[in-house]
Amino acid sequence: MTDFFDNWTVQVRKGVLELCILNALVERERYGYDLVKTLVAVPGLGVTEGTLYPLLSRLRVAGLVSARLEESSEGPARKYYSLTKEGRKIMSVMNDYLETLNQGTRQLQSRGGKHA
């Protein structure tokens, strides 16, 4: 059962990680490591830098996130990411879908409890 659950949690995280990245960028632009620190604090998400950067690249290619390079006085240049207009639209649709899915799951849970 543990192998099944571990695999399932990996699949769930993959499915919501892009949405979490978009949500983390909604208020302001962030550089990569700042995003990692923010997302690591989300219980159950389990994100690493090795996971985050390929997803940011994919979101940028999809036109949902833009990136700019800025010189840093504390070391190498930092790449800052921000939501595009299209990214905001998609994020809103994704959040609505996830909420609908969660509501449906809760309805099934409550029905299951009545019949058990």
PDB file of N, CA and C in Angstrom:
ATOM      1  N   MET A   1       0.823  -1.202   0.000  1.00  0.00           N
ATOM      2  CA  MET A   1       0.000   0.000   0.000  1.00  0.00           C
ATOM      3  C   MET A   1       0.865   1.263   0.000  1.00  0.00           C
ATOM      4  N   THR A   2       1.995   1.221   0.675  1.00  0.00           N
ATOM      5  CA  THR A   2       2.860   2.395   0.737  1.00  0.00           C
ATOM      6  C   THR A   2       3.351   2.789  -0.649  1.00  0.00           C
ATOM      7  N   ASP A   3       3.755   1.816  -1.482  1.00  0.00           N
ATOM      8  CA  ASP A   3       4.204   2.130  -2.836  1.00  0.00           C
ATOM      9  C   ASP A   3       3.100   2.787  -3.645  1.00  0.00           C
ATOM     10  N   PHE A   4       1.889   2.284  -3.513  1.00  0.00           N
ATOM     11  CA  PHE A   4       0.767   2.869  -4.237  1.00  0.00           C
ATOM     12  C   PHE A   4       0.551   4.312  -3.800  1.00  0.00           C
ATOM     13  N   PHE A   5       0.529   4.538  -2.478  1.00  0.00           N
ATOM     14  CA  PHE A   5       0.304   5.887  -1.957  1.00  0.00           C
ATOM     15  C   PHE A   5       1.429   6.826  -2.371  1.00  0.00           C
ATOM     16  N   ASP A   6       2.676   6.373  -2.281  1.00  0.00           N
ATOM     17  CA  ASP A   6       3.816   7.211  -2.679  1.00  0.00           C
ATOM     18  C   ASP A   6       3.705   7.621  -4.144  1.00  0.00           C
ATOM     19  N   ASN A   7       3.352   6.688  -5.006  1.00  0.00           N
ATOM     20  CA  ASN A   7       3.191   6.984  -6.425  1.00  0.00           C
ATOM     21  C   ASN A   7       2.041   7.967  -6.646  1.00  0.00           C
ATOM     22  N   TRP A   8       0.953   7.757  -5.936  1.00  0.00           N
ATOM     23  CA  TRP A   8      -0.206   8.642  -6.063  1.00  0.00           C
ATOM     24  C   TRP A   8       0.138  10.070  -5.655  1.00  0.00           C
ATOM     25  N   THR A   9       0.862  10.230  -4.540  1.00  0.00           N
ATOM     26  CA  THR A   9       1.215  11.582  -4.090  1.00  0.00           C
ATOM     27  C   THR A   9       2.136  12.270  -5.092  1.00  0.00           C
ATOM     28  N   VAL A  10       3.038  11.527  -5.713  1.00  0.00           N
ATOM     29  CA  VAL A  10       3.902  12.095  -6.750  1.00  0.00           C
ATOM     30  C   VAL A  10       3.048  12.625  -7.902  1.00  0.00           C
ATOM     31  N   GLN A  11       2.068  11.848  -8.320  1.00  0.00           N
ATOM     32  CA  GLN A  11       1.198  12.257  -9.425  1.00  0.00           C
ATOM     33  C   GLN A  11       0.364  13.487  -9.063  1.00  0.00           C
ATOM     34  N   VAL A  12      -0.146  13.538  -7.847  1.00  0.00           N
ATOM     35  CA  VAL A  12      -0.940  14.689  -7.410  1.00  0.00           C
ATOM     36  C   VAL A  12      -0.066  15.947  -7.390  1.00  0.00           C
ATOM     37  N   ARG A  13       1.123  15.833  -6.832  1.00  0.00           N
ATOM     38  CA  ARG A  13       2.031  16.994  -6.781  1.00  0.00           C
ATOM     39  C   ARG A  13       2.360  17.492  -8.172  1.00  0.00           C
ATOM     40  N   LYS A  14       2.644  16.575  -9.087  1.00  0.00           N
ATOM     41  CA  LYS A  14       2.931  16.980 -10.468  1.00  0.00           C
ATOM     42  C   LYS A  14       1.769  17.771 -11.043  1.00  0.00           C
ATOM     43  N   GLY A  15       0.572  17.343 -10.721  1.00  0.00           N
ATOM     44  CA  GLY A  15      -0.613  17.984 -11.267  1.00  0.00           C
ATOM     45  C   GLY A  15      -0.883  19.376 -10.736  1.00  0.00           C
ATOM     46  N   VAL A  16      -0.442  19.661  -9.527  1.00  0.00           N
ATOM     47  CA  VAL A  16      -0.754  20.968  -8.938  1.00  0.00           C
ATOM     48  C   VAL A  16       0.458  21.902  -8.845  1.00  0.00           C
ATOM     49  N   LEU A  17       1.654  21.396  -9.101  1.00  0.00           N
ATOM     50  CA  LEU A  17       2.842  22.226  -8.919  1.00  0.00           C
ATOM     51  C   LEU A  17       2.855  23.452  -9.836  1.00  0.00           C
ATOM     52  N   GLU A  18       2.469  23.275 -11.094  1.00  0.00           N
ATOM     53  CA  GLU A  18       2.452  24.430 -11.998  1.00  0.00           C
ATOM     54  C   GLU A  18       1.476  25.494 -11.501  1.00  0.00           C
ATOM     55  N   LEU A  19       0.335  25.066 -11.013  1.00  0.00           N
ATOM     56  CA  LEU A  19      -0.642  26.010 -10.469  1.00  0.00           C
ATOM     57  C   LEU A  19      -0.061  26.722  -9.242  1.00  0.00           C
ATOM     58  N   CYS A  20       0.633  25.995  -8.402  1.00  0.00           N
ATOM     59  CA  CYS A  20       1.257  26.616  -7.227  1.00  0.00           C
ATOM     60  C   CYS A  20       2.291  27.661  -7.636  1.00  0.00           C
ATOM     61  N   ILE A  21       3.047  27.385  -8.681  1.00  0.00           N
ATOM     62  CA  ILE A  21       4.024  28.362  -9.179  1.00  0.00           C
ATOM     63  C   ILE A  21       3.299  29.620  -9.643  1.00  0.00           C
ATOM     64  N   LEU A  22       2.250  29.452 -10.421  1.00  0.00           N
ATOM     65  CA  LEU A  22       1.492  30.616 -10.905  1.00  0.00           C
ATOM     66  C   LEU A  22       0.909  31.402  -9.734  1.00  0.00           C
ATOM     67  N   ASN A  23       0.343  30.696  -8.758  1.00  0.00           N
ATOM     68  CA  ASN A  23      -0.224  31.377  -7.590  1.00  0.00           C
ATOM     69  C   ASN A  23       0.847  32.121  -6.801  1.00  0.00           C
ATOM     70  N   ALA A  24       2.056  31.565  -6.729  1.00  0.00           N
ATOM     71  CA  ALA A  24       3.140  32.209  -5.988  1.00  0.00           C
ATOM     72  C   ALA A  24       3.617  33.482  -6.678  1.00  0.00           C
ATOM     73  N   LEU A  25       3.339  33.608  -7.973  1.00  0.00           N
ATOM     74  CA  LEU A  25       3.768  34.791  -8.732  1.00  0.00           C
ATOM     75  C   LEU A  25       2.670  35.841  -8.871  1.00  0.00           C
ATOM     76  N   VAL A  26       1.510  35.593  -8.294  1.00  0.00           N
ATOM     77  CA  VAL A  26       0.370  36.478  -8.541  1.00  0.00           C
ATOM     78  C   VAL A  26       0.584  37.885  -7.969  1.00  0.00           C
ATOM     79  N   GLU A  27       1.234  38.005  -6.826  1.00  0.00           N
ATOM     80  CA  GLU A  27       1.380  39.324  -6.202  1.00  0.00           C
ATOM     81  C   GLU A  27       2.604  40.098  -6.675  1.00  0.00           C
ATOM     82  N   ARG A  28       3.664  39.367  -7.030  1.00  0.00           N
ATOM     83  CA  ARG A  28       4.893  40.057  -7.434  1.00  0.00           C
ATOM     84  C   ARG A  28       5.810  39.085  -8.153  1.00  0.00           C
ATOM     85  N   GLU A  29       6.768  39.661  -8.878  1.00  0.00           N
ATOM     86  CA  GLU A  29       7.764  38.815  -9.526  1.00  0.00           C
ATOM     87  C   GLU A  29       8.712  38.262  -8.468  1.00  0.00           C
ATOM     88  N   ARG A  30       9.307  37.143  -8.763  1.00  0.00           N
ATOM     89  CA  ARG A  30      10.230  36.492  -7.829  1.00  0.00           C
ATOM     90  C   ARG A  30      11.377  35.865  -8.610  1.00  0.00           C
ATOM     91  N   TYR A  31      12.519  35.745  -7.953  1.00  0.00           N
ATOM     92  CA  TYR A  31      13.611  35.014  -8.581  1.00  0.00           C
ATOM     93  C   TYR A  31      13.506  33.558  -8.161  1.00  0.00           C
ATOM     94  N   GLY A  32      14.187  32.689  -8.894  1.00  0.00           N
ATOM     95  CA  GLY A  32      14.031  31.255  -8.744  1.00  0.00           C
ATOM     96  C   GLY A  32      14.161  30.739  -7.323  1.00  0.00           C
ATOM     97  N   TYR A  33      15.239  31.104  -6.635  1.00  0.00           N
ATOM     98  CA  TYR A  33      15.441  30.554  -5.304  1.00  0.00           C
ATOM     99  C   TYR A  33      14.377  31.053  -4.327  1.00  0.00           C
ATOM    100  N   ASP A  34      13.902  32.281  -4.518  1.00  0.00           N
ATOM    101  CA  ASP A  34      12.813  32.811  -3.692  1.00  0.00           C
ATOM    102  C   ASP A  34      11.549  31.962  -3.898  1.00  0.00           C
ATOM    103  N   LEU A  35      11.296  31.574  -5.134  1.00  0.00           N
ATOM    104  CA  LEU A  35      10.153  30.696  -5.423  1.00  0.00           C
ATOM    105  C   LEU A  35      10.317  29.343  -4.738  1.00  0.00           C
ATOM    106  N   VAL A  36      11.526  28.789  -4.792  1.00  0.00           N
ATOM    107  CA  VAL A  36      11.788  27.504  -4.134  1.00  0.00           C
ATOM    108  C   VAL A  36      11.474  27.611  -2.652  1.00  0.00           C
ATOM    109  N   LYS A  37      11.974  28.663  -1.994  1.00  0.00           N
ATOM    110  CA  LYS A  37      11.726  28.835  -0.552  1.00  0.00           C
ATOM    111  C   LYS A  37      10.235  28.958  -0.260  1.00  0.00           C
ATOM    112  N   THR A  38       9.518  29.685  -1.095  1.00  0.00           N
ATOM    113  CA  THR A  38       8.075  29.857  -0.906  1.00  0.00           C
ATOM    114  C   THR A  38       7.341  28.531  -1.056  1.00  0.00           C
ATOM    115  N   LEU A  39       7.683  27.779  -2.091  1.00  0.00           N
ATOM    116  CA  LEU A  39       6.974  26.540  -2.382  1.00  0.00           C
ATOM    117  C   LEU A  39       7.351  25.407  -1.433  1.00  0.00           C
ATOM    118  N   VAL A  40       8.587  25.414  -0.926  1.00  0.00           N
ATOM    119  CA  VAL A  40       9.007  24.398   0.051  1.00  0.00           C
ATOM    120  C   VAL A  40       8.158  24.519   1.314  1.00  0.00           C
ATOM    121  N   ALA A  41       7.692  25.714   1.616  1.00  0.00           N
ATOM    122  CA  ALA A  41       6.893  25.953   2.824  1.00  0.00           C
ATOM    123  C   ALA A  41       5.460  25.430   2.691  1.00  0.00           C
ATOM    124  N   VAL A  42       5.051  25.024   1.493  1.00  0.00           N
ATOM    125  CA  VAL A  42       3.692  24.503   1.284  1.00  0.00           C
ATOM    126  C   VAL A  42       3.668  23.034   1.714  1.00  0.00           C
ATOM    127  N   PRO A  43       2.886  22.715   2.746  1.00  0.00           N
ATOM    128  CA  PRO A  43       2.842  21.327   3.236  1.00  0.00           C
ATOM    129  C   PRO A  43       2.444  20.334   2.146  1.00  0.00           C
ATOM    130  N   GLY A  44       3.232  19.264   2.017  1.00  0.00           N
ATOM    131  CA  GLY A  44       2.918  18.200   1.082  1.00  0.00           C
ATOM    132  C   GLY A  44       3.378  18.426  -0.351  1.00  0.00           C
ATOM    133  N   LEU A  45       3.863  19.622  -0.674  1.00  0.00           N
ATOM    134  CA  LEU A  45       4.234  19.908  -2.061  1.00  0.00           C
ATOM    135  C   LEU A  45       5.565  19.267  -2.437  1.00  0.00           C
ATOM    136  N   GLY A  46       6.535  19.310  -1.554  1.00  0.00           N
ATOM    137  CA  GLY A  46       7.808  18.632  -1.790  1.00  0.00           C
ATOM    138  C   GLY A  46       8.525  19.060  -3.049  1.00  0.00           C
ATOM    139  N   VAL A  47       8.768  20.354  -3.219  1.00  0.00           N
ATOM    140  CA  VAL A  47       9.423  20.860  -4.423  1.00  0.00           C
ATOM    141  C   VAL A  47      10.922  21.052  -4.178  1.00  0.00           C
ATOM    142  N   THR A  48      11.709  20.858  -5.227  1.00  0.00           N
ATOM    143  CA  THR A  48      13.149  21.105  -5.180  1.00  0.00           C
ATOM    144  C   THR A  48      13.524  22.010  -6.350  1.00  0.00           C
ATOM    145  N   GLU A  49      14.739  22.547  -6.296  1.00  0.00           N
ATOM    146  CA  GLU A  49      15.202  23.385  -7.401  1.00  0.00           C
ATOM    147  C   GLU A  49      15.205  22.600  -8.707  1.00  0.00           C
ATOM    148  N   GLY A  50      15.609  21.328  -8.627  1.00  0.00           N
ATOM    149  CA  GLY A  50      15.661  20.489  -9.816  1.00  0.00           C
ATOM    150  C   GLY A  50      14.297  20.258 -10.453  1.00  0.00           C
ATOM    151  N   THR A  51      13.261  20.377  -9.653  1.00  0.00           N
ATOM    152  CA  THR A  51      11.892  20.249 -10.152  1.00  0.00           C
ATOM    153  C   THR A  51      11.383  21.584 -10.679  1.00  0.00           C
ATOM    154  N   LEU A  52      11.710  22.646  -9.950  1.00  0.00           N
ATOM    155  CA  LEU A  52      11.141  23.965 -10.240  1.00  0.00           C
ATOM    156  C   LEU A  52      11.615  24.558 -11.568  1.00  0.00           C
ATOM    157  N   TYR A  53      12.909  24.552 -11.812  1.00  0.00           N
ATOM    158  CA  TYR A  53      13.435  25.266 -12.982  1.00  0.00           C
ATOM    159  C   TYR A  53      12.935  24.713 -14.322  1.00  0.00           C
ATOM    160  N   PRO A  54      12.854  23.403 -14.496  1.00  0.00           N
ATOM    161  CA  PRO A  54      12.262  22.921 -15.761  1.00  0.00           C
ATOM    162  C   PRO A  54      10.793  23.346 -15.923  1.00  0.00           C
ATOM    163  N   LEU A  55      10.048  23.383 -14.811  1.00  0.00           N
ATOM    164  CA  LEU A  55       8.650  23.820 -14.892  1.00  0.00           C
ATOM    165  C   LEU A  55       8.560  25.303 -15.237  1.00  0.00           C
ATOM    166  N   LEU A  56       9.431  26.112 -14.652  1.00  0.00           N
ATOM    167  CA  LEU A  56       9.445  27.545 -14.989  1.00  0.00           C
ATOM    168  C   LEU A  56       9.751  27.733 -16.468  1.00  0.00           C
ATOM    169  N   SER A  57      10.677  26.957 -16.975  1.00  0.00           N
ATOM    170  CA  SER A  57      11.011  27.038 -18.397  1.00  0.00           C
ATOM    171  C   SER A  57       9.808  26.653 -19.257  1.00  0.00           C
ATOM    172  N   ARG A  58       9.117  25.595 -18.866  1.00  0.00           N
ATOM    173  CA  ARG A  58       7.933  25.165 -19.604  1.00  0.00           C
ATOM    174  C   ARG A  58       6.825  26.225 -19.561  1.00  0.00           C
ATOM    175  N   LEU A  59       6.629  26.822 -18.394  1.00  0.00           N
ATOM    176  CA  LEU A  59       5.614  27.878 -18.260  1.00  0.00           C
ATOM    177  C   LEU A  59       5.986  29.106 -19.086  1.00  0.00           C
ATOM    178  N   ARG A  60       7.294  29.385 -19.193  1.00  0.00           N
ATOM    179  CA  ARG A  60       7.748  30.519 -19.995  1.00  0.00           C
ATOM    180  C   ARG A  60       7.513  30.243 -21.481  1.00  0.00           C
ATOM    181  N   VAL A  61       7.859  29.044 -21.931  1.00  0.00           N
ATOM    182  CA  VAL A  61       7.637  28.669 -23.336  1.00  0.00           C
ATOM    183  C   VAL A  61       6.150  28.706 -23.682  1.00  0.00           C
ATOM    184  N   ALA A  62       5.304  28.354 -22.718  1.00  0.00           N
ATOM    185  CA  ALA A  62       3.847  28.368 -22.927  1.00  0.00           C
ATOM    186  C   ALA A  62       3.275  29.783 -22.900  1.00  0.00           C
ATOM    187  N   GLY A  63       4.101  30.760 -22.546  1.00  0.00           N
ATOM    188  CA  GLY A  63       3.639  32.150 -22.521  1.00  0.00           C
ATOM    189  C   GLY A  63       2.904  32.545 -21.247  1.00  0.00           C
ATOM    190  N   LEU A  64       3.006  31.723 -20.204  1.00  0.00           N
ATOM    191  CA  LEU A  64       2.302  32.010 -18.956  1.00  0.00           C
ATOM    192  C   LEU A  64       3.155  32.788 -17.971  1.00  0.00           C
ATOM    193  N   VAL A  65       4.467  32.713 -18.155  1.00  0.00           N
ATOM    194  CA  VAL A  65       5.422  33.370 -17.268  1.00  0.00           C
ATOM    195  C   VAL A  65       6.459  34.060 -18.147  1.00  0.00           C
ATOM    196  N   SER A  66       6.891  35.235 -17.711  1.00  0.00           N
ATOM    197  CA  SER A  66       7.995  35.895 -18.401  1.00  0.00           C
ATOM    198  C   SER A  66       9.193  35.910 -17.459  1.00  0.00           C
ATOM    199  N   ALA A  67      10.374  36.056 -18.032  1.00  0.00           N
ATOM    200  CA  ALA A  67      11.593  36.044 -17.225  1.00  0.00           C
ATOM    201  C   ALA A  67      12.488  37.206 -17.656  1.00  0.00           C
ATOM    202  N   ARG A  68      13.187  37.767 -16.681  1.00  0.00           N
ATOM    203  CA  ARG A  68      14.174  38.809 -16.988  1.00  0.00           C
ATOM    204  C   ARG A  68      15.380  38.583 -16.088  1.00  0.00           C
ATOM    205  N   LEU A  69      16.543  38.943 -16.583  1.00  0.00           N
ATOM    206  CA  LEU A  69      17.781  38.776 -15.842  1.00  0.00           C
ATOM    207  C   LEU A  69      18.163  40.100 -15.203  1.00  0.00           C
ATOM    208  N   GLU A  70      18.560  40.069 -13.949  1.00  0.00           N
ATOM    209  CA  GLU A  70      18.977  41.290 -13.256  1.00  0.00           C
ATOM    210  C   GLU A  70      20.274  41.022 -12.510  1.00  0.00           C
ATOM    211  N   GLU A  71      21.223  41.927 -12.689  1.00  0.00           N
ATOM    212  CA  GLU A  71      22.504  41.799 -11.982  1.00  0.00           C
ATOM    213  C   GLU A  71      22.258  41.881 -10.485  1.00  0.00           C
ATOM    214  N   SER A  72      23.054  41.132  -9.718  1.00  0.00           N
ATOM    215  CA  SER A  72      22.913  41.112  -8.269  1.00  0.00           C
ATOM    216  C   SER A  72      24.225  41.518  -7.633  1.00  0.00           C
ATOM    217  N   SER A  73      24.139  42.329  -6.576  1.00  0.00           N
ATOM    218  CA  SER A  73      25.346  42.730  -5.850  1.00  0.00           C
ATOM    219  C   SER A  73      25.834  41.604  -4.949  1.00  0.00           C
ATOM    220  N   GLU A  74      24.999  40.581  -4.756  1.00  0.00           N
ATOM    221  CA  GLU A  74      25.318  39.484  -3.846  1.00  0.00           C
ATOM    222  C   GLU A  74      25.783  38.226  -4.567  1.00  0.00           C
ATOM    223  N   GLY A  75      26.159  38.327  -5.822  1.00  0.00           N
ATOM    224  CA  GLY A  75      26.597  37.138  -6.548  1.00  0.00           C
ATOM    225  C   GLY A  75      26.173  37.197  -7.995  1.00  0.00           C
ATOM    226  N   PRO A  76      25.898  36.030  -8.573  1.00  0.00           N
ATOM    227  CA  PRO A  76      25.517  35.998  -9.997  1.00  0.00           C
ATOM    228  C   PRO A  76      24.180  36.688 -10.246  1.00  0.00           C
ATOM    229  N   ALA A  77      23.952  37.008 -11.505  1.00  0.00           N
ATOM    230  CA  ALA A  77      22.682  37.638 -11.894  1.00  0.00           C
ATOM    231  C   ALA A  77      21.518  36.721 -11.522  1.00  0.00           C
ATOM    232  N   ARG A  78      20.409  37.341 -11.202  1.00  0.00           N
ATOM    233  CA  ARG A  78      19.209  36.580 -10.843  1.00  0.00           C
ATOM    234  C   ARG A  78      18.194  36.674 -11.968  1.00  0.00           C
ATOM    235  N   LYS A  79      17.512  35.552 -12.206  1.00  0.00           N
ATOM    236  CA  LYS A  79      16.435  35.544 -13.180  1.00  0.00           C
ATOM    237  C   LYS A  79      15.130  35.718 -12.412  1.00  0.00           C
ATOM    238  N   TYR A  80      14.417  36.790 -12.746  1.00  0.00           N
ATOM    239  CA  TYR A  80      13.132  37.075 -12.111  1.00  0.00           C
ATOM    240  C   TYR A  80      12.004  36.616 -13.020  1.00  0.00           C
ATOM    241  N   TYR A  81      11.002  35.990 -12.399  1.00  0.00           N
ATOM    242  CA  TYR A  81       9.851  35.471 -13.124  1.00  0.00           C
ATOM    243  C   TYR A  81       8.603  36.237 -12.712  1.00  0.00           C
ATOM    244  N   SER A  82       7.727  36.466 -13.681  1.00  0.00           N
ATOM    245  CA  SER A  82       6.451  37.117 -13.381  1.00  0.00           C
ATOM    246  C   SER A  82       5.370  36.529 -14.279  1.00  0.00           C
ATOM    247  N   LEU A  83       4.140  36.672 -13.830  1.00  0.00           N
ATOM    248  CA  LEU A  83       3.002  36.185 -14.616  1.00  0.00           C
ATOM    249  C   LEU A  83       2.752  37.092 -15.806  1.00  0.00           C
ATOM    250  N   THR A  84       2.402  36.506 -16.911  1.00  0.00           N
ATOM    251  CA  THR A  84       1.949  37.285 -18.059  1.00  0.00           C
ATOM    252  C   THR A  84       0.429  37.452 -17.935  1.00  0.00           C
ATOM    253  N   LYS A  85      -0.126  38.246 -18.811  1.00  0.00           N
ATOM    254  CA  LYS A  85      -1.576  38.415 -18.834  1.00  0.00           C
ATOM    255  C   LYS A  85      -2.258  37.060 -19.061  1.00  0.00           C
ATOM    256  N   GLU A  86      -1.722  36.284 -19.996  1.00  0.00           N
ATOM    257  CA  GLU A  86      -2.268  34.950 -20.277  1.00  0.00           C
ATOM    258  C   GLU A  86      -2.084  34.034 -19.068  1.00  0.00           C
ATOM    259  N   GLY A  87      -0.963  34.170 -18.370  1.00  0.00           N
ATOM    260  CA  GLY A  87      -0.714  33.372 -17.176  1.00  0.00           C
ATOM    261  C   GLY A  87      -1.750  33.641 -16.098  1.00  0.00           C
ATOM    262  N   ARG A  88      -2.132  34.905 -15.945  1.00  0.00           N
ATOM    263  CA  ARG A  88      -3.168  35.255 -14.958  1.00  0.00           C
ATOM    264  C   ARG A  88      -4.510  34.633 -15.330  1.00  0.00           C
ATOM    265  N   LYS A  89      -4.836  34.665 -16.618  1.00  0.00           N
ATOM    266  CA  LYS A  89      -6.107  34.079 -17.066  1.00  0.00           C
ATOM    267  C   LYS A  89      -6.123  32.571 -16.805  1.00  0.00           C
ATOM    268  N   ILE A  90      -5.066  31.895 -17.228  1.00  0.00           N
ATOM    269  CA  ILE A  90      -4.980  30.440 -17.059  1.00  0.00           C
ATOM    270  C   ILE A  90      -4.984  30.074 -15.583  1.00  0.00           C
ATOM    271  N   MET A  91      -4.259  30.830 -14.764  1.00  0.00           N
ATOM    272  CA  MET A  91      -4.210  30.570 -13.326  1.00  0.00           C
ATOM    273  C   MET A  91      -5.611  30.629 -12.729  1.00  0.00           C
ATOM    274  N   SER A  92      -6.386  31.611 -13.131  1.00  0.00           N
ATOM    275  CA  SER A  92      -7.749  31.757 -12.630  1.00  0.00           C
ATOM    276  C   SER A  92      -8.608  30.556 -13.017  1.00  0.00           C
ATOM    277  N   VAL A  93      -8.497  30.117 -14.272  1.00  0.00           N
ATOM    278  CA  VAL A  93      -9.260  28.956 -14.744  1.00  0.00           C
ATOM    279  C   VAL A  93      -8.814  27.697 -13.992  1.00  0.00           C
ATOM    280  N   MET A  94      -7.509  27.549 -13.804  1.00  0.00           N
ATOM    281  CA  MET A  94      -6.981  26.377 -13.095  1.00  0.00           C
ATOM    282  C   MET A  94      -7.446  26.363 -11.639  1.00  0.00           C
ATOM    283  N   ASN A  95      -7.422  27.516 -10.984  1.00  0.00           N
ATOM    284  CA  ASN A  95      -7.894  27.595  -9.592  1.00  0.00           C
ATOM    285  C   ASN A  95      -9.372  27.237  -9.497  1.00  0.00           C
ATOM    286  N   ASP A  96     -10.167  27.745 -10.430  1.00  0.00           N
ATOM    287  CA  ASP A  96     -11.596  27.414 -10.441  1.00  0.00           C
ATOM    288  C   ASP A  96     -11.804  25.913 -10.642  1.00  0.00           C
ATOM    289  N   TYR A  97     -11.054  25.329 -11.571  1.00  0.00           N
ATOM    290  CA  TYR A  97     -11.183  23.892 -11.837  1.00  0.00           C
ATOM    291  C   TYR A  97     -10.808  23.074 -10.606  1.00  0.00           C
ATOM    292  N   LEU A  98      -9.700  23.438  -9.962  1.00  0.00           N
ATOM    293  CA  LEU A  98      -9.258  22.695  -8.783  1.00  0.00           C
ATOM    294  C   LEU A  98     -10.284  22.808  -7.659  1.00  0.00           C
ATOM    295  N   GLU A  99     -10.875  23.970  -7.504  1.00  0.00           N
ATOM    296  CA  GLU A  99     -11.912  24.149  -6.473  1.00  0.00           C
ATOM    297  C   GLU A  99     -13.128  23.268  -6.781  1.00  0.00           C
ATOM    298  N   THR A 100     -13.539  23.234  -8.041  1.00  0.00           N
ATOM    299  CA  THR A 100     -14.660  22.379  -8.442  1.00  0.00           C
ATOM    300  C   THR A 100     -14.332  20.908  -8.176  1.00  0.00           C
ATOM    301  N   LEU A 101     -13.134  20.497  -8.526  1.00  0.00           N
ATOM    302  CA  LEU A 101     -12.699  19.125  -8.298  1.00  0.00           C
ATOM    303  C   LEU A 101     -12.677  18.793  -6.809  1.00  0.00           C
ATOM    304  N   ASN A 102     -12.163  19.717  -5.999  1.00  0.00           N
ATOM    305  CA  ASN A 102     -12.137  19.505  -4.541  1.00  0.00           C
ATOM    306  C   ASN A 102     -13.549  19.400  -3.967  1.00  0.00           C
ATOM    307  N   GLN A 103     -14.460  20.239  -4.451  1.00  0.00           N
ATOM    308  CA  GLN A 103     -15.846  20.166  -3.983  1.00  0.00           C
ATOM    309  C   GLN A 103     -16.457  18.818  -4.339  1.00  0.00           C
ATOM    310  N   GLY A 104     -16.212  18.361  -5.555  1.00  0.00           N
ATOM    311  CA  GLY A 104     -16.736  17.065  -5.973  1.00  0.00           C
ATOM    312  C   GLY A 104     -16.165  15.933  -5.125  1.00  0.00           C
ATOM    313  N   THR A 105     -14.895  16.016  -4.812  1.00  0.00           N
ATOM    314  CA  THR A 105     -14.252  15.002  -3.971  1.00  0.00           C
ATOM    315  C   THR A 105     -14.857  15.005  -2.573  1.00  0.00           C
ATOM    316  N   ARG A 106     -15.090  16.193  -2.024  1.00  0.00           N
ATOM    317  CA  ARG A 106     -15.709  16.287  -0.691  1.00  0.00           C
ATOM    318  C   ARG A 106     -17.126  15.725  -0.707  1.00  0.00           C
ATOM    319  N   GLN A 107     -17.868  15.968  -1.794  1.00  0.00           N
ATOM    320  CA  GLN A 107     -19.219  15.408  -1.901  1.00  0.00           C
ATOM    321  C   GLN A 107     -19.176  13.881  -1.904  1.00  0.00           C
ATOM    322  N   LEU A 108     -18.239  13.319  -2.632  1.00  0.00           N
ATOM    323  CA  LEU A 108     -18.098  11.858  -2.656  1.00  0.00           C
ATOM    324  C   LEU A 108     -17.716  11.324  -1.280  1.00  0.00           C
ATOM    325  N   GLN A 109     -16.856  12.048  -0.568  1.00  0.00           N
ATOM    326  CA  GLN A 109     -16.456  11.621   0.775  1.00  0.00           C
ATOM    327  C   GLN A 109     -17.649  11.610   1.713  1.00  0.00           C
ATOM    328  N   SER A 110     -18.472  12.662   1.631  1.00  0.00           N
ATOM    329  CA  SER A 110     -19.621  12.725   2.542  1.00  0.00           C
ATOM    330  C   SER A 110     -20.654  11.650   2.207  1.00  0.00           C
ATOM    331  N   ARG A 111     -20.829  11.355   0.931  1.00  0.00           N
ATOM    332  CA  ARG A 111     -21.755  10.271   0.539  1.00  0.00           C
ATOM    333  C   ARG A 111     -21.236   8.929   1.007  1.00  0.00           C
ATOM    334  N   GLY A 112     -19.928   8.725   0.852  1.00  0.00           N
ATOM    335  CA  GLY A 112     -19.321   7.472   1.270  1.00  0.00           C
ATOM    336  C   GLY A 112     -19.458   7.237   2.751  1.00  0.00           C
ATOM    337  N   GLY A 113     -19.378   8.311   3.539  1.00  0.00           N
ATOM    338  CA  GLY A 113     -19.516   8.194   4.980  1.00  0.00           C
ATOM    339  C   GLY A 113     -20.918   7.792   5.394  1.00  0.00           C
ATOM    340  N   LYS A 114     -21.931   8.182   4.605  1.00  0.00           N
ATOM    341  CA  LYS A 114     -23.313   7.863   4.937  1.00  0.00           C
ATOM    342  C   LYS A 114     -23.646   6.410   4.638  1.00  0.00           C
ATOM    343  N   HIS A 115     -22.958   5.830   3.654  1.00  0.00           N
ATOM    344  CA  HIS A 115     -23.264   4.463   3.235  1.00  0.00           C
ATOM    345  C   HIS A 115     -22.355   3.424   3.875  1.00  0.00           C
ATOM    346  N   ALA A 116     -21.349   3.868   4.567  1.00  0.00           N
ATOM    347  CA  ALA A 116     -20.385   2.918   5.124  1.00  0.00           C
ATOM    348  C   ALA A 116     -20.911   2.239   6.368  1.00  0.00           C
TER     349      ALA A 116
END
